[in-house]
Amino acid sequence: MNQYRRLILFVSVLFFVGLLFGLLLPLLLPYDQKAELFHTLQQYLQTYSQEGTWDAKEMFWDKSWLYFIMALLIFLLGLSVIGTPLVLVILFIKGVVIGFASGFVITQLKEKGILFVIFSILPQNLLIVPALIFLSASSMAFSLFLIRNRILKYHGKIKPYFTSYVMVFLGLTSILLVAAIYESYLGPILLERSISFIFR
């Protein structure tokens, strides 16, 4: 249990390092690139607000499939042992992406950008990020168990550990499913209201 807590702490720190790196990235971009990105963002948001419609069911299936594939990849990498570094890469990149999106919006829109992040980026990630952190820690823990069992001849019983690993995967995947439901049905409503606030 102590080992699992250390792994959770380790992957959490790794994610937040990626998040911090992503937050700082917009400050390093040349002015012309930031202007081009902001223009693209404005066009997208204005088009979204003008259309005012979205296919919630299609969005739900897209998000669900994306999160399931991500979770399944982390799960399978835990079974492969040598894939553990890739788990860390996935989590770090996730942090960078969230950090960059948040940082860019805030640097361009200031106070309105902060509100946009709070209502449009933060809510679903309050579910997604902890689920990915716990799943990544479980993946690494299972890999370490396999290393001790096969290489160091620990001879522990694999079946109970594997069953527990599968249950963790299923439980955390269900949390990602809840995040997909939120993003598909409630998230667009908050996004639309955020856009109307930004462009009023």
N, C-alpha and C. Protein backbone atom coordinates (compact mmCIF):
# COMPACT_ATOMS: atom_id res chain seq x y z
N MET A 1 0.83 -1.21 0.00
CA MET A 1 0.00 0.00 0.00
C MET A 1 0.86 1.26 0.00
N ASN A 2 1.95 1.24 0.80
CA ASN A 2 2.85 2.38 0.83
C ASN A 2 3.49 2.60 -0.54
N GLN A 3 3.82 1.49 -1.21
CA GLN A 3 4.39 1.60 -2.54
C GLN A 3 3.39 2.23 -3.51
N TYR A 4 2.12 1.85 -3.40
CA TYR A 4 1.09 2.39 -4.28
C TYR A 4 0.92 3.89 -4.03
N ARG A 5 0.98 4.30 -2.78
CA ARG A 5 0.87 5.72 -2.47
C ARG A 5 2.05 6.50 -3.04
N ARG A 6 3.23 5.92 -2.97
CA ARG A 6 4.40 6.59 -3.54
C ARG A 6 4.28 6.72 -5.05
N LEU A 7 3.72 5.68 -5.67
CA LEU A 7 3.52 5.74 -7.13
C LEU A 7 2.49 6.80 -7.49
N ILE A 8 1.42 6.90 -6.71
CA ILE A 8 0.41 7.94 -6.95
C ILE A 8 1.04 9.32 -6.84
N LEU A 9 1.87 9.50 -5.80
CA LEU A 9 2.55 10.78 -5.61
C LEU A 9 3.48 11.07 -6.78
N PHE A 10 4.21 10.04 -7.23
CA PHE A 10 5.17 10.22 -8.33
C PHE A 10 4.46 10.63 -9.62
N VAL A 11 3.41 9.90 -10.00
CA VAL A 11 2.72 10.21 -11.25
C VAL A 11 1.96 11.54 -11.14
N SER A 12 1.51 11.88 -9.94
CA SER A 12 0.84 13.17 -9.75
C SER A 12 1.82 14.31 -9.97
N VAL A 13 3.01 14.18 -9.41
CA VAL A 13 4.05 15.20 -9.61
C VAL A 13 4.41 15.30 -11.09
N LEU A 14 4.53 14.15 -11.75
CA LEU A 14 4.85 14.14 -13.18
C LEU A 14 3.78 14.87 -13.98
N PHE A 15 2.51 14.60 -13.67
CA PHE A 15 1.43 15.27 -14.38
C PHE A 15 1.49 16.77 -14.16
N PHE A 16 1.70 17.20 -12.93
CA PHE A 16 1.71 18.64 -12.63
C PHE A 16 2.94 19.33 -13.21
N VAL A 17 4.02 18.60 -13.37
CA VAL A 17 5.19 19.15 -14.08
C VAL A 17 4.81 19.40 -15.54
N GLY A 18 4.12 18.43 -16.16
CA GLY A 18 3.64 18.61 -17.52
C GLY A 18 2.65 19.76 -17.62
N LEU A 19 1.76 19.86 -16.61
CA LEU A 19 0.79 20.95 -16.58
C LEU A 19 1.48 22.31 -16.51
N LEU A 20 2.48 22.41 -15.63
CA LEU A 20 3.23 23.66 -15.49
C LEU A 20 3.97 24.00 -16.78
N PHE A 21 4.58 22.99 -17.39
CA PHE A 21 5.29 23.19 -18.65
C PHE A 21 4.32 23.70 -19.73
N GLY A 22 3.12 23.10 -19.77
CA GLY A 22 2.12 23.53 -20.73
C GLY A 22 1.64 24.95 -20.47
N LEU A 23 1.49 25.33 -19.20
CA LEU A 23 1.07 26.68 -18.85
C LEU A 23 2.09 27.72 -19.30
N LEU A 24 3.37 27.35 -19.26
CA LEU A 24 4.44 28.29 -19.63
C LEU A 24 4.66 28.37 -21.13
N LEU A 25 4.26 27.34 -21.86
CA LEU A 25 4.51 27.29 -23.30
C LEU A 25 3.96 28.50 -24.06
N PRO A 26 2.72 28.96 -23.77
CA PRO A 26 2.21 30.12 -24.51
C PRO A 26 3.09 31.36 -24.39
N LEU A 27 3.80 31.49 -23.27
CA LEU A 27 4.66 32.65 -23.07
C LEU A 27 5.90 32.59 -23.95
N LEU A 28 6.24 31.38 -24.42
CA LEU A 28 7.43 31.19 -25.24
C LEU A 28 7.15 31.26 -26.74
N LEU A 29 5.86 31.26 -27.09
CA LEU A 29 5.50 31.31 -28.51
C LEU A 29 5.78 32.68 -29.10
N PRO A 30 6.24 32.75 -30.34
CA PRO A 30 6.40 34.05 -31.03
C PRO A 30 5.05 34.73 -31.18
N TYR A 31 5.08 36.04 -31.29
CA TYR A 31 3.84 36.81 -31.35
C TYR A 31 2.96 36.40 -32.52
N ASP A 32 3.57 36.19 -33.70
CA ASP A 32 2.78 35.85 -34.88
C ASP A 32 2.07 34.50 -34.72
N GLN A 33 2.73 33.55 -34.07
CA GLN A 33 2.10 32.25 -33.83
C GLN A 33 0.94 32.37 -32.84
N LYS A 34 1.13 33.18 -31.80
CA LYS A 34 0.05 33.38 -30.83
C LYS A 34 -1.13 34.08 -31.49
N ALA A 35 -0.84 35.07 -32.35
CA ALA A 35 -1.92 35.78 -33.04
C ALA A 35 -2.70 34.84 -33.96
N GLU A 36 -1.97 33.96 -34.65
CA GLU A 36 -2.62 33.01 -35.55
C GLU A 36 -3.48 32.01 -34.79
N LEU A 37 -2.94 31.50 -33.69
CA LEU A 37 -3.69 30.54 -32.86
C LEU A 37 -4.94 31.20 -32.26
N PHE A 38 -4.78 32.44 -31.81
CA PHE A 38 -5.91 33.13 -31.21
C PHE A 38 -6.99 33.42 -32.24
N HIS A 39 -6.57 33.76 -33.46
CA HIS A 39 -7.54 33.99 -34.54
C HIS A 39 -8.31 32.70 -34.84
N THR A 40 -7.60 31.58 -34.86
CA THR A 40 -8.26 30.29 -35.09
C THR A 40 -9.23 29.97 -33.97
N LEU A 41 -8.82 30.25 -32.73
CA LEU A 41 -9.70 30.02 -31.58
C LEU A 41 -10.95 30.90 -31.66
N GLN A 42 -10.76 32.16 -32.01
CA GLN A 42 -11.91 33.07 -32.13
C GLN A 42 -12.90 32.58 -33.18
N GLN A 43 -12.37 32.17 -34.32
CA GLN A 43 -13.24 31.67 -35.39
C GLN A 43 -14.04 30.46 -34.94
N TYR A 44 -13.36 29.54 -34.24
CA TYR A 44 -14.03 28.33 -33.76
C TYR A 44 -15.13 28.68 -32.77
N LEU A 45 -14.81 29.54 -31.81
CA LEU A 45 -15.78 29.89 -30.78
C LEU A 45 -16.97 30.66 -31.35
N GLN A 46 -16.70 31.56 -32.29
CA GLN A 46 -17.78 32.32 -32.89
C GLN A 46 -18.68 31.42 -33.73
N THR A 47 -18.07 30.50 -34.47
CA THR A 47 -18.85 29.56 -35.27
C THR A 47 -19.70 28.67 -34.38
N TYR A 48 -19.11 28.23 -33.27
CA TYR A 48 -19.82 27.37 -32.31
C TYR A 48 -21.01 28.11 -31.72
N SER A 49 -20.80 29.39 -31.35
CA SER A 49 -21.87 30.15 -30.72
C SER A 49 -22.97 30.49 -31.71
N GLN A 50 -22.62 30.69 -32.96
CA GLN A 50 -23.62 31.02 -33.98
C GLN A 50 -24.48 29.80 -34.33
N GLU A 51 -23.82 28.64 -34.43
CA GLU A 51 -24.57 27.43 -34.76
C GLU A 51 -25.45 27.01 -33.59
N GLY A 52 -24.87 27.03 -32.39
CA GLY A 52 -25.64 26.77 -31.18
C GLY A 52 -26.21 25.36 -31.08
N THR A 53 -25.75 24.46 -31.90
CA THR A 53 -26.25 23.08 -31.85
C THR A 53 -25.09 22.11 -31.81
N TRP A 54 -25.32 20.97 -31.24
CA TRP A 54 -24.32 19.92 -31.21
C TRP A 54 -25.03 18.59 -31.11
N ASP A 55 -24.37 17.58 -31.65
CA ASP A 55 -24.92 16.23 -31.59
C ASP A 55 -24.36 15.56 -30.34
N ALA A 56 -25.12 15.62 -29.25
CA ALA A 56 -24.64 15.12 -27.96
C ALA A 56 -24.33 13.62 -28.02
N LYS A 57 -25.18 12.88 -28.73
CA LYS A 57 -24.98 11.43 -28.80
C LYS A 57 -23.69 11.09 -29.53
N GLU A 58 -23.44 11.76 -30.66
CA GLU A 58 -22.20 11.51 -31.41
C GLU A 58 -20.99 11.94 -30.59
N MET A 59 -21.10 13.08 -29.92
CA MET A 59 -20.00 13.56 -29.09
C MET A 59 -19.72 12.58 -27.95
N PHE A 60 -20.79 12.03 -27.37
CA PHE A 60 -20.62 11.07 -26.28
C PHE A 60 -19.85 9.84 -26.74
N TRP A 61 -20.22 9.29 -27.90
CA TRP A 61 -19.53 8.11 -28.40
C TRP A 61 -18.08 8.42 -28.74
N ASP A 62 -17.82 9.61 -29.30
CA ASP A 62 -16.45 10.00 -29.64
C ASP A 62 -15.60 10.12 -28.38
N LYS A 63 -16.12 10.81 -27.38
CA LYS A 63 -15.39 11.00 -26.13
C LYS A 63 -15.19 9.68 -25.40
N SER A 64 -16.25 8.88 -25.35
CA SER A 64 -16.17 7.59 -24.66
C SER A 64 -15.12 6.70 -25.30
N TRP A 65 -15.11 6.66 -26.62
CA TRP A 65 -14.14 5.83 -27.33
C TRP A 65 -12.71 6.33 -27.09
N LEU A 66 -12.53 7.65 -27.12
CA LEU A 66 -11.22 8.23 -26.88
C LEU A 66 -10.70 7.88 -25.49
N TYR A 67 -11.54 8.07 -24.48
CA TYR A 67 -11.11 7.80 -23.11
C TYR A 67 -10.90 6.31 -22.87
N PHE A 68 -11.74 5.48 -23.49
CA PHE A 68 -11.58 4.03 -23.33
C PHE A 68 -10.26 3.57 -23.94
N ILE A 69 -9.94 4.06 -25.12
CA ILE A 69 -8.69 3.68 -25.78
C ILE A 69 -7.49 4.14 -24.94
N MET A 70 -7.56 5.35 -24.40
CA MET A 70 -6.47 5.85 -23.57
C MET A 70 -6.30 4.98 -22.32
N ALA A 71 -7.42 4.66 -21.66
CA ALA A 71 -7.36 3.83 -20.46
C ALA A 71 -6.88 2.42 -20.78
N LEU A 72 -7.37 1.87 -21.90
CA LEU A 72 -6.97 0.52 -22.30
C LEU A 72 -5.48 0.47 -22.63
N LEU A 73 -4.98 1.52 -23.26
CA LEU A 73 -3.55 1.57 -23.59
C LEU A 73 -2.70 1.56 -22.32
N ILE A 74 -3.10 2.38 -21.34
CA ILE A 74 -2.36 2.40 -20.07
C ILE A 74 -2.44 1.04 -19.38
N PHE A 75 -3.62 0.42 -19.43
CA PHE A 75 -3.81 -0.91 -18.82
C PHE A 75 -2.90 -1.95 -19.49
N LEU A 76 -2.87 -1.96 -20.80
CA LEU A 76 -2.05 -2.94 -21.53
C LEU A 76 -0.56 -2.69 -21.35
N LEU A 77 -0.17 -1.44 -21.25
CA LEU A 77 1.24 -1.13 -21.02
C LEU A 77 1.69 -1.65 -19.66
N GLY A 78 0.76 -1.67 -18.70
CA GLY A 78 1.07 -2.24 -17.38
C GLY A 78 1.32 -3.73 -17.46
N LEU A 79 0.66 -4.41 -18.38
CA LEU A 79 0.84 -5.85 -18.56
C LEU A 79 2.15 -6.18 -19.27
N SER A 80 2.64 -5.21 -20.05
CA SER A 80 3.83 -5.48 -20.87
C SER A 80 5.14 -5.28 -20.12
N VAL A 81 5.09 -4.65 -18.95
CA VAL A 81 6.27 -4.35 -18.13
C VAL A 81 7.14 -3.28 -18.77
N ILE A 82 7.64 -3.55 -19.98
CA ILE A 82 8.56 -2.60 -20.63
C ILE A 82 7.83 -1.35 -21.12
N GLY A 83 6.51 -1.36 -21.08
CA GLY A 83 5.75 -0.21 -21.55
C GLY A 83 5.51 0.85 -20.50
N THR A 84 6.03 0.64 -19.29
CA THR A 84 5.80 1.58 -18.20
C THR A 84 6.25 3.01 -18.53
N PRO A 85 7.42 3.20 -19.16
CA PRO A 85 7.81 4.57 -19.52
C PRO A 85 6.80 5.27 -20.41
N LEU A 86 6.12 4.52 -21.26
CA LEU A 86 5.11 5.12 -22.14
C LEU A 86 3.90 5.61 -21.34
N VAL A 87 3.60 4.93 -20.25
CA VAL A 87 2.52 5.39 -19.36
C VAL A 87 2.85 6.78 -18.83
N LEU A 88 4.10 6.95 -18.43
CA LEU A 88 4.53 8.25 -17.92
C LEU A 88 4.49 9.31 -19.00
N VAL A 89 4.85 8.93 -20.22
CA VAL A 89 4.81 9.87 -21.35
C VAL A 89 3.37 10.32 -21.62
N ILE A 90 2.43 9.37 -21.61
CA ILE A 90 1.01 9.69 -21.85
C ILE A 90 0.51 10.68 -20.80
N LEU A 91 0.83 10.42 -19.55
CA LEU A 91 0.35 11.29 -18.47
C LEU A 91 0.99 12.67 -18.56
N PHE A 92 2.28 12.70 -18.88
CA PHE A 92 2.97 13.99 -19.01
C PHE A 92 2.38 14.81 -20.15
N ILE A 93 2.14 14.16 -21.30
CA ILE A 93 1.56 14.85 -22.45
C ILE A 93 0.17 15.38 -22.13
N LYS A 94 -0.62 14.58 -21.40
CA LYS A 94 -1.95 15.02 -20.99
C LYS A 94 -1.85 16.30 -20.17
N GLY A 95 -0.88 16.35 -19.26
CA GLY A 95 -0.67 17.55 -18.47
C GLY A 95 -0.28 18.74 -19.32
N VAL A 96 0.60 18.50 -20.29
CA VAL A 96 1.04 19.58 -21.18
C VAL A 96 -0.13 20.13 -21.99
N VAL A 97 -0.96 19.24 -22.52
CA VAL A 97 -2.10 19.65 -23.34
C VAL A 97 -3.07 20.51 -22.54
N ILE A 98 -3.43 20.04 -21.34
CA ILE A 98 -4.36 20.81 -20.49
C ILE A 98 -3.73 22.15 -20.10
N GLY A 99 -2.45 22.11 -19.74
CA GLY A 99 -1.75 23.33 -19.34
C GLY A 99 -1.66 24.34 -20.47
N PHE A 100 -1.34 23.85 -21.67
CA PHE A 100 -1.19 24.75 -22.81
C PHE A 100 -2.53 25.39 -23.18
N ALA A 101 -3.58 24.56 -23.23
CA ALA A 101 -4.91 25.09 -23.57
C ALA A 101 -5.35 26.14 -22.56
N SER A 102 -5.15 25.83 -21.28
CA SER A 102 -5.56 26.78 -20.22
C SER A 102 -4.70 28.03 -20.26
N GLY A 103 -3.39 27.84 -20.36
CA GLY A 103 -2.47 28.97 -20.36
C GLY A 103 -2.68 29.90 -21.54
N PHE A 104 -2.92 29.31 -22.71
CA PHE A 104 -3.10 30.13 -23.92
C PHE A 104 -4.37 30.97 -23.82
N VAL A 105 -5.47 30.35 -23.38
CA VAL A 105 -6.73 31.08 -23.25
C VAL A 105 -6.60 32.20 -22.22
N ILE A 106 -5.93 31.92 -21.11
CA ILE A 106 -5.79 32.92 -20.06
C ILE A 106 -4.90 34.08 -20.51
N THR A 107 -3.80 33.79 -21.19
CA THR A 107 -2.91 34.86 -21.64
C THR A 107 -3.57 35.74 -22.69
N GLN A 108 -4.49 35.18 -23.45
CA GLN A 108 -5.14 35.95 -24.51
C GLN A 108 -6.39 36.67 -24.03
N LEU A 109 -7.12 36.08 -23.12
CA LEU A 109 -8.41 36.64 -22.71
C LEU A 109 -8.41 37.19 -21.27
N LYS A 110 -7.28 37.05 -20.57
CA LYS A 110 -7.14 37.59 -19.22
C LYS A 110 -8.22 37.05 -18.27
N GLU A 111 -8.98 37.99 -17.62
CA GLU A 111 -9.98 37.56 -16.63
C GLU A 111 -11.06 36.69 -17.26
N LYS A 112 -11.48 37.04 -18.47
CA LYS A 112 -12.49 36.24 -19.16
C LYS A 112 -11.93 34.85 -19.46
N GLY A 113 -10.64 34.79 -19.74
CA GLY A 113 -10.00 33.50 -20.01
C GLY A 113 -10.02 32.59 -18.79
N ILE A 114 -9.83 33.18 -17.61
CA ILE A 114 -9.87 32.40 -16.37
C ILE A 114 -11.27 31.79 -16.19
N LEU A 115 -12.30 32.61 -16.41
CA LEU A 115 -13.68 32.10 -16.29
C LEU A 115 -13.96 31.03 -17.34
N PHE A 116 -13.43 31.22 -18.54
CA PHE A 116 -13.62 30.24 -19.61
C PHE A 116 -13.00 28.90 -19.22
N VAL A 117 -11.80 28.95 -18.64
CA VAL A 117 -11.13 27.72 -18.20
C VAL A 117 -11.91 27.04 -17.09
N ILE A 118 -12.41 27.84 -16.14
CA ILE A 118 -13.15 27.29 -15.00
C ILE A 118 -14.41 26.56 -15.46
N PHE A 119 -15.11 27.12 -16.44
CA PHE A 119 -16.39 26.55 -16.86
C PHE A 119 -16.27 25.56 -18.02
N SER A 120 -15.20 25.66 -18.81
CA SER A 120 -15.13 24.84 -20.03
C SER A 120 -14.03 23.79 -20.04
N ILE A 121 -12.98 23.97 -19.27
CA ILE A 121 -11.86 23.02 -19.29
C ILE A 121 -11.74 22.28 -17.96
N LEU A 122 -11.94 22.99 -16.87
CA LEU A 122 -11.71 22.40 -15.54
C LEU A 122 -12.68 21.29 -15.15
N PRO A 123 -14.01 21.45 -15.34
CA PRO A 123 -14.96 20.48 -14.76
C PRO A 123 -14.71 19.04 -15.15
N GLN A 124 -14.62 18.74 -16.45
CA GLN A 124 -14.43 17.34 -16.86
C GLN A 124 -13.07 16.80 -16.44
N ASN A 125 -12.08 17.69 -16.37
CA ASN A 125 -10.74 17.24 -15.98
C ASN A 125 -10.62 16.95 -14.50
N LEU A 126 -11.57 17.43 -13.71
CA LEU A 126 -11.61 17.05 -12.30
C LEU A 126 -11.93 15.57 -12.14
N LEU A 127 -12.52 14.98 -13.16
CA LEU A 127 -12.78 13.54 -13.19
C LEU A 127 -11.70 12.80 -13.97
N ILE A 128 -11.33 13.34 -15.12
CA ILE A 128 -10.41 12.66 -16.03
C ILE A 128 -9.01 12.52 -15.42
N VAL A 129 -8.49 13.62 -14.90
CA VAL A 129 -7.10 13.62 -14.40
C VAL A 129 -6.90 12.65 -13.24
N PRO A 130 -7.73 12.70 -12.16
CA PRO A 130 -7.52 11.73 -11.08
C PRO A 130 -7.65 10.28 -11.55
N ALA A 131 -8.61 10.03 -12.48
CA ALA A 131 -8.78 8.67 -13.00
C ALA A 131 -7.52 8.20 -13.72
N LEU A 132 -6.94 9.06 -14.53
CA LEU A 132 -5.72 8.69 -15.26
C LEU A 132 -4.52 8.55 -14.32
N ILE A 133 -4.47 9.38 -13.30
CA ILE A 133 -3.37 9.28 -12.32
C ILE A 133 -3.44 7.95 -11.57
N PHE A 134 -4.62 7.59 -11.07
CA PHE A 134 -4.76 6.34 -10.33
C PHE A 134 -4.54 5.13 -11.25
N LEU A 135 -5.02 5.22 -12.49
CA LEU A 135 -4.83 4.11 -13.42
C LEU A 135 -3.35 3.97 -13.78
N SER A 136 -2.66 5.07 -13.96
CA SER A 136 -1.22 5.03 -14.27
C SER A 136 -0.44 4.44 -13.11
N ALA A 137 -0.80 4.83 -11.89
CA ALA A 137 -0.14 4.27 -10.71
C ALA A 137 -0.40 2.78 -10.59
N SER A 138 -1.63 2.35 -10.88
CA SER A 138 -1.96 0.92 -10.84
C SER A 138 -1.20 0.16 -11.92
N SER A 139 -1.07 0.76 -13.10
CA SER A 139 -0.32 0.14 -14.19
C SER A 139 1.14 -0.07 -13.80
N MET A 140 1.75 0.94 -13.20
CA MET A 140 3.14 0.83 -12.77
C MET A 140 3.29 -0.18 -11.64
N ALA A 141 2.31 -0.19 -10.71
CA ALA A 141 2.37 -1.14 -9.59
C ALA A 141 2.31 -2.57 -10.10
N PHE A 142 1.44 -2.82 -11.09
CA PHE A 142 1.33 -4.17 -11.64
C PHE A 142 2.61 -4.56 -12.39
N SER A 143 3.20 -3.61 -13.10
CA SER A 143 4.46 -3.88 -13.80
C SER A 143 5.56 -4.25 -12.81
N LEU A 144 5.62 -3.51 -11.70
CA LEU A 144 6.64 -3.81 -10.68
C LEU A 144 6.40 -5.18 -10.06
N PHE A 145 5.12 -5.55 -9.89
CA PHE A 145 4.80 -6.87 -9.37
C PHE A 145 5.29 -7.96 -10.32
N LEU A 146 5.06 -7.75 -11.62
CA LEU A 146 5.50 -8.73 -12.62
C LEU A 146 7.03 -8.84 -12.65
N ILE A 147 7.70 -7.71 -12.48
CA ILE A 147 9.17 -7.73 -12.45
C ILE A 147 9.67 -8.55 -11.27
N ARG A 148 9.07 -8.30 -10.10
CA ARG A 148 9.47 -9.07 -8.92
C ARG A 148 9.15 -10.55 -9.09
N ASN A 149 8.03 -10.83 -9.72
CA ASN A 149 7.56 -12.21 -9.85
C ASN A 149 8.38 -13.00 -10.87
N ARG A 150 8.69 -12.38 -11.99
CA ARG A 150 9.37 -13.10 -13.07
C ARG A 150 10.88 -12.99 -13.02
N ILE A 151 11.36 -11.78 -12.77
CA ILE A 151 12.80 -11.56 -12.82
C ILE A 151 13.46 -11.84 -11.47
N LEU A 152 12.84 -11.34 -10.39
CA LEU A 152 13.43 -11.51 -9.06
C LEU A 152 12.94 -12.76 -8.35
N LYS A 153 12.09 -13.55 -9.05
CA LYS A 153 11.60 -14.83 -8.52
C LYS A 153 10.88 -14.66 -7.19
N TYR A 154 10.01 -13.64 -7.13
CA TYR A 154 9.25 -13.38 -5.92
C TYR A 154 8.20 -14.48 -5.68
N HIS A 155 7.66 -15.04 -6.75
CA HIS A 155 6.69 -16.15 -6.70
C HIS A 155 5.39 -15.79 -5.96
N GLY A 156 4.95 -14.56 -6.12
CA GLY A 156 3.64 -14.20 -5.57
C GLY A 156 2.53 -14.67 -6.51
N LYS A 157 1.32 -14.79 -5.99
CA LYS A 157 0.21 -15.24 -6.81
C LYS A 157 -0.24 -14.10 -7.73
N ILE A 158 -0.23 -14.36 -9.02
CA ILE A 158 -0.56 -13.34 -10.01
C ILE A 158 -2.06 -13.11 -10.12
N LYS A 159 -2.85 -14.18 -10.01
CA LYS A 159 -4.29 -14.08 -10.28
C LYS A 159 -5.00 -13.04 -9.41
N PRO A 160 -4.82 -13.05 -8.08
CA PRO A 160 -5.50 -12.03 -7.25
C PRO A 160 -5.06 -10.61 -7.61
N TYR A 161 -3.78 -10.45 -7.89
CA TYR A 161 -3.25 -9.14 -8.23
C TYR A 161 -3.81 -8.67 -9.56
N PHE A 162 -3.89 -9.60 -10.52
CA PHE A 162 -4.41 -9.28 -11.84
C PHE A 162 -5.91 -8.93 -11.75
N THR A 163 -6.65 -9.70 -10.96
CA THR A 163 -8.07 -9.43 -10.77
C THR A 163 -8.29 -8.04 -10.19
N SER A 164 -7.47 -7.68 -9.21
CA SER A 164 -7.56 -6.36 -8.60
C SER A 164 -7.25 -5.28 -9.63
N TYR A 165 -6.25 -5.54 -10.46
CA TYR A 165 -5.85 -4.59 -11.50
C TYR A 165 -6.98 -4.38 -12.51
N VAL A 166 -7.64 -5.46 -12.90
CA VAL A 166 -8.77 -5.37 -13.84
C VAL A 166 -9.92 -4.58 -13.21
N MET A 167 -10.19 -4.81 -11.94
CA MET A 167 -11.28 -4.11 -11.26
C MET A 167 -11.00 -2.60 -11.18
N VAL A 168 -9.74 -2.28 -10.91
CA VAL A 168 -9.36 -0.86 -10.88
C VAL A 168 -9.55 -0.24 -12.26
N PHE A 169 -9.14 -0.97 -13.30
CA PHE A 169 -9.31 -0.49 -14.67
C PHE A 169 -10.78 -0.24 -14.99
N LEU A 170 -11.63 -1.18 -14.65
CA LEU A 170 -13.06 -1.04 -14.95
C LEU A 170 -13.69 0.12 -14.16
N GLY A 171 -13.29 0.24 -12.89
CA GLY A 171 -13.83 1.31 -12.07
C GLY A 171 -13.44 2.68 -12.57
N LEU A 172 -12.16 2.84 -12.91
CA LEU A 172 -11.69 4.14 -13.37
C LEU A 172 -12.20 4.46 -14.78
N THR A 173 -12.38 3.42 -15.59
CA THR A 173 -12.96 3.62 -16.91
C THR A 173 -14.40 4.12 -16.80
N SER A 174 -15.13 3.63 -15.79
CA SER A 174 -16.50 4.11 -15.58
C SER A 174 -16.51 5.59 -15.20
N ILE A 175 -15.49 6.03 -14.47
CA ILE A 175 -15.38 7.46 -14.12
C ILE A 175 -15.13 8.28 -15.39
N LEU A 176 -14.29 7.76 -16.27
CA LEU A 176 -14.06 8.43 -17.55
C LEU A 176 -15.34 8.49 -18.39
N LEU A 177 -16.17 7.46 -18.25
CA LEU A 177 -17.45 7.45 -18.94
C LEU A 177 -18.36 8.56 -18.42
N VAL A 178 -18.33 8.79 -17.12
CA VAL A 178 -19.11 9.88 -16.53
C VAL A 178 -18.61 11.22 -17.06
N ALA A 179 -17.28 11.35 -17.20
CA ALA A 179 -16.71 12.58 -17.76
C ALA A 179 -17.17 12.79 -19.19
N ALA A 180 -17.25 11.70 -19.95
CA ALA A 180 -17.73 11.79 -21.34
C ALA A 180 -19.19 12.22 -21.39
N ILE A 181 -20.00 11.73 -20.47
CA ILE A 181 -21.40 12.13 -20.40
C ILE A 181 -21.51 13.63 -20.11
N TYR A 182 -20.70 14.08 -19.15
CA TYR A 182 -20.71 15.51 -18.82
C TYR A 182 -20.29 16.35 -20.02
N GLU A 183 -19.19 15.97 -20.67
CA GLU A 183 -18.68 16.74 -21.81
C GLU A 183 -19.67 16.79 -22.97
N SER A 184 -20.48 15.76 -23.11
CA SER A 184 -21.37 15.65 -24.25
C SER A 184 -22.72 16.34 -24.03
N TYR A 185 -23.20 16.32 -22.79
CA TYR A 185 -24.55 16.81 -22.55
C TYR A 185 -24.60 18.13 -21.76
N LEU A 186 -23.72 18.29 -20.79
CA LEU A 186 -23.73 19.51 -19.98
C LEU A 186 -22.63 20.48 -20.39
N GLY A 187 -21.47 19.94 -20.72
CA GLY A 187 -20.33 20.78 -21.09
C GLY A 187 -20.63 21.76 -22.21
N PRO A 188 -21.26 21.33 -23.31
CA PRO A 188 -21.55 22.27 -24.40
C PRO A 188 -22.43 23.45 -23.99
N ILE A 189 -23.34 23.22 -23.05
CA ILE A 189 -24.20 24.30 -22.58
C ILE A 189 -23.36 25.37 -21.86
N LEU A 190 -22.46 24.91 -20.98
CA LEU A 190 -21.58 25.86 -20.27
C LEU A 190 -20.62 26.54 -21.24
N LEU A 191 -20.14 25.79 -22.24
CA LEU A 191 -19.24 26.36 -23.24
C LEU A 191 -19.96 27.46 -24.02
N GLU A 192 -21.19 27.20 -24.42
CA GLU A 192 -21.97 28.19 -25.19
C GLU A 192 -22.18 29.46 -24.37
N ARG A 193 -22.47 29.29 -23.10
CA ARG A 193 -22.68 30.47 -22.24
C ARG A 193 -21.36 31.22 -22.01
N SER A 194 -20.26 30.47 -21.91
CA SER A 194 -18.96 31.09 -21.76
C SER A 194 -18.61 31.91 -22.99
N ILE A 195 -18.93 31.38 -24.17
CA ILE A 195 -18.64 32.08 -25.42
C ILE A 195 -19.45 33.36 -25.51
N SER A 196 -20.73 33.28 -25.14
CA SER A 196 -21.57 34.48 -25.19
C SER A 196 -21.06 35.56 -24.24
N PHE A 197 -20.46 35.14 -23.12
CA PHE A 197 -19.89 36.09 -22.17
C PHE A 197 -18.63 36.73 -22.74
N ILE A 198 -17.82 35.92 -23.43
CA ILE A 198 -16.55 36.42 -23.96
C ILE A 198 -16.76 37.42 -25.08
N PHE A 199 -17.74 37.16 -25.95
CA PHE A 199 -17.90 37.98 -27.14
C PHE A 199 -19.00 39.06 -27.01
N ARG A 200 -19.51 39.23 -25.81
CA ARG A 200 -20.57 40.24 -25.67
C ARG A 200 -19.96 41.63 -25.56
